[in-house]
Amino acid sequence: MIKAATLALFMSLQSSGSVLDDPQEEARAQKLMREIRCVACENEPISQSASDIAEDMRDRVRVLIEEGKSDAEIRSWFVDRYGEFVLFRPDAEGVSGMLLWGLPFAILIAGAAVLIARRSTASQSEIDRVAPDHEYEIED
C-alpha cells in the first residue's frame, strides 16, 4: 500500500503541478486517471499522456475528488462531457453496452458452430469406394 501511494505521488508530481494532500485520495485519483482515456491521444490514459487536455483532465479529477465526488460520479462527469469513449471500461448498460460486451462472445460461438457444421458435412460427403457388381473380362 505504501509503495502504491509513493508511486502514485511520484507519477502525479511528474504529470501535474497539483497533488492532493491526502495520500489515499491521491492514490484514488491516480487509479481513476488510469481508467480515463485521453481524448487527444485516444489510446493512452490521462495518467500517462503529456497533452495539455490530459493535464486539464487530471486536474479535474483531483478537483472532483476534493469536492467529495464518488468514483462513479467522476466517471459520469467525464462521460457526460466526452462520451462513453473516454472510459477504458465502459458500462454494459443499454444496447450499445450489450453489443460491446456480448458481440465478441456471440461471434466466437457462431464461429465454433460453423466449424462444427463444416466438419459434420465433410464427414458425410466423403464417397466410399464400392466394389463393382460384376467383373469385366479382358480379351487378349
Protein backbone atom coordinates (compact mmCIF):
# COMPACT_ATOMS: atom_id res chain seq x y z
CA MET A 1 0.00 0.00 0.00
CA ILE A 2 2.83 2.37 0.87
CA LYS A 3 4.62 1.52 -2.39
CA ALA A 4 1.45 2.23 -4.38
CA ALA A 5 0.91 5.56 -2.63
CA THR A 6 4.55 6.54 -3.16
CA LEU A 7 4.38 5.56 -6.83
CA ALA A 8 1.13 7.47 -7.27
CA LEU A 9 2.65 10.51 -5.63
CA PHE A 10 5.76 10.31 -7.82
CA MET A 11 3.69 9.92 -11.00
CA SER A 12 1.46 12.82 -10.08
CA LEU A 13 4.43 15.08 -9.40
CA GLN A 14 5.70 14.38 -12.89
CA SER A 15 2.38 14.87 -14.60
CA SER A 16 0.82 17.81 -12.84
CA GLY A 17 1.63 20.68 -10.57
CA SER A 18 -1.12 19.95 -8.06
CA VAL A 19 -1.16 16.95 -5.75
CA LEU A 20 -3.84 16.05 -3.25
CA ASP A 21 -2.76 16.37 0.38
CA ASP A 22 -4.25 13.03 1.43
CA PRO A 23 -2.15 10.12 0.02
CA GLN A 24 -5.22 7.85 -0.12
CA GLU A 25 -7.14 10.42 -2.16
CA GLU A 26 -4.12 10.87 -4.44
CA ALA A 27 -3.90 7.10 -4.93
CA ARG A 28 -7.62 7.10 -5.76
CA ALA A 29 -7.06 9.93 -8.23
CA GLN A 30 -4.21 8.02 -9.88
CA LYS A 31 -6.41 4.92 -10.18
CA LEU A 32 -9.14 6.96 -11.85
CA MET A 33 -6.59 8.61 -14.14
CA ARG A 34 -5.56 5.16 -15.39
CA GLU A 35 -9.21 4.35 -16.21
CA ILE A 36 -9.93 7.53 -18.18
CA ARG A 37 -8.76 7.83 -21.77
CA CYS A 38 -7.06 10.97 -23.09
CA VAL A 39 -9.31 12.46 -25.75
CA ALA A 40 -6.32 13.77 -27.72
CA CYS A 41 -4.13 10.65 -27.56
CA GLU A 42 -7.08 8.23 -27.76
CA ASN A 43 -5.41 5.03 -26.56
CA GLU A 44 -3.48 6.44 -23.65
CA PRO A 45 -4.74 7.05 -20.13
CA ILE A 46 -4.63 10.60 -18.86
CA SER A 47 -2.14 9.48 -16.22
CA GLN A 48 0.47 8.87 -18.94
CA SER A 49 -0.42 11.48 -21.54
CA ALA A 50 1.63 14.63 -21.93
CA SER A 51 -1.04 16.60 -23.81
CA ASP A 52 -2.49 19.80 -22.40
CA ILE A 53 -6.02 18.43 -22.30
CA ALA A 54 -4.84 15.38 -20.34
CA GLU A 55 -3.28 17.73 -17.79
CA ASP A 56 -6.60 19.58 -17.54
CA MET A 57 -8.42 16.26 -17.15
CA ARG A 58 -6.03 15.17 -14.36
CA ASP A 59 -6.63 18.47 -12.58
CA ARG A 60 -10.39 17.98 -12.96
CA VAL A 61 -10.18 14.51 -11.40
CA ARG A 62 -8.38 15.97 -8.40
CA VAL A 63 -10.87 18.84 -8.07
CA LEU A 64 -13.81 16.44 -8.19
CA ILE A 65 -12.19 14.24 -5.53
CA GLU A 66 -11.62 17.30 -3.34
CA GLU A 67 -15.31 18.14 -3.76
CA GLY A 68 -16.15 14.72 -2.32
CA LYS A 69 -17.45 13.09 -5.51
CA SER A 70 -17.50 9.31 -5.73
CA ASP A 71 -15.63 7.37 -8.42
CA ALA A 72 -18.91 6.71 -10.24
CA GLU A 73 -19.80 10.42 -10.19
CA ILE A 74 -16.36 11.33 -11.56
CA ARG A 75 -16.64 8.77 -14.36
CA SER A 76 -20.15 10.05 -15.09
CA TRP A 77 -18.85 13.63 -15.27
CA PHE A 78 -16.31 12.64 -17.90
CA VAL A 79 -18.84 10.53 -19.84
CA ASP A 80 -21.30 13.44 -19.88
CA ARG A 81 -18.61 15.72 -21.21
CA TYR A 82 -16.69 13.48 -23.65
CA GLY A 83 -18.92 10.47 -24.24
CA GLU A 84 -18.62 6.78 -23.38
CA PHE A 85 -15.37 6.60 -25.38
CA VAL A 86 -13.47 8.32 -22.57
CA LEU A 87 -13.69 5.21 -20.35
CA PHE A 88 -11.38 2.27 -20.91
CA ARG A 89 -14.02 0.01 -19.31
CA PRO A 90 -17.43 1.30 -20.40
CA ASP A 91 -20.60 0.18 -18.64
CA ALA A 92 -22.58 -2.74 -20.03
CA GLU A 93 -25.89 -0.87 -19.94
CA GLY A 94 -28.22 -0.40 -22.85
CA VAL A 95 -27.98 -1.76 -26.37
CA SER A 96 -24.51 -0.37 -27.09
CA GLY A 97 -23.11 -1.84 -23.88
CA MET A 98 -24.63 -5.22 -24.56
CA LEU A 99 -23.20 -5.19 -28.09
CA LEU A 100 -19.81 -4.11 -26.82
CA TRP A 101 -19.56 -6.86 -24.22
CA GLY A 102 -21.72 -9.56 -25.84
CA LEU A 103 -20.81 -9.36 -29.53
CA PRO A 104 -17.31 -10.88 -29.21
CA PHE A 105 -18.75 -13.91 -27.40
CA ALA A 106 -21.55 -14.23 -29.95
CA ILE A 107 -19.02 -14.17 -32.80
CA LEU A 108 -16.93 -16.81 -31.03
CA ILE A 109 -19.95 -19.08 -30.56
CA ALA A 110 -21.08 -18.57 -34.17
CA GLY A 111 -17.59 -19.40 -35.45
CA ALA A 112 -17.49 -22.60 -33.39
CA ALA A 113 -20.93 -23.57 -34.72
CA VAL A 114 -19.77 -23.04 -38.32
CA LEU A 115 -16.66 -25.17 -37.74
CA ILE A 116 -18.70 -27.97 -36.20
CA ALA A 117 -21.22 -27.84 -39.05
CA ARG A 118 -18.45 -27.99 -41.67
CA ARG A 119 -16.81 -30.98 -40.02
CA SER A 120 -20.06 -32.90 -39.85
CA THR A 121 -20.95 -32.21 -43.51
CA ALA A 122 -17.40 -33.01 -44.62
CA SER A 123 -17.54 -36.43 -42.98
CA GLN A 124 -20.94 -37.14 -44.55
CA SER A 125 -19.90 -36.11 -48.05
CA GLU A 126 -16.95 -38.50 -48.31
CA ILE A 127 -17.51 -41.07 -51.05
CA ASP A 128 -16.92 -44.68 -50.12
CA ARG A 129 -15.39 -46.94 -52.73
CA VAL A 130 -17.86 -49.55 -53.85
CA ALA A 131 -16.88 -52.80 -55.50
CA PRO A 132 -18.46 -53.30 -58.92
CA ASP A 133 -21.46 -55.62 -59.19
CA HIS A 134 -19.84 -57.68 -61.92
CA GLU A 135 -16.35 -58.24 -63.19
CA TYR A 136 -15.22 -57.36 -66.67
CA GLU A 137 -13.21 -59.81 -68.64
CA ILE A 138 -10.30 -58.52 -70.61
CA GLU A 139 -9.83 -60.03 -74.00
CA ASP A 140 -6.34 -60.53 -75.39
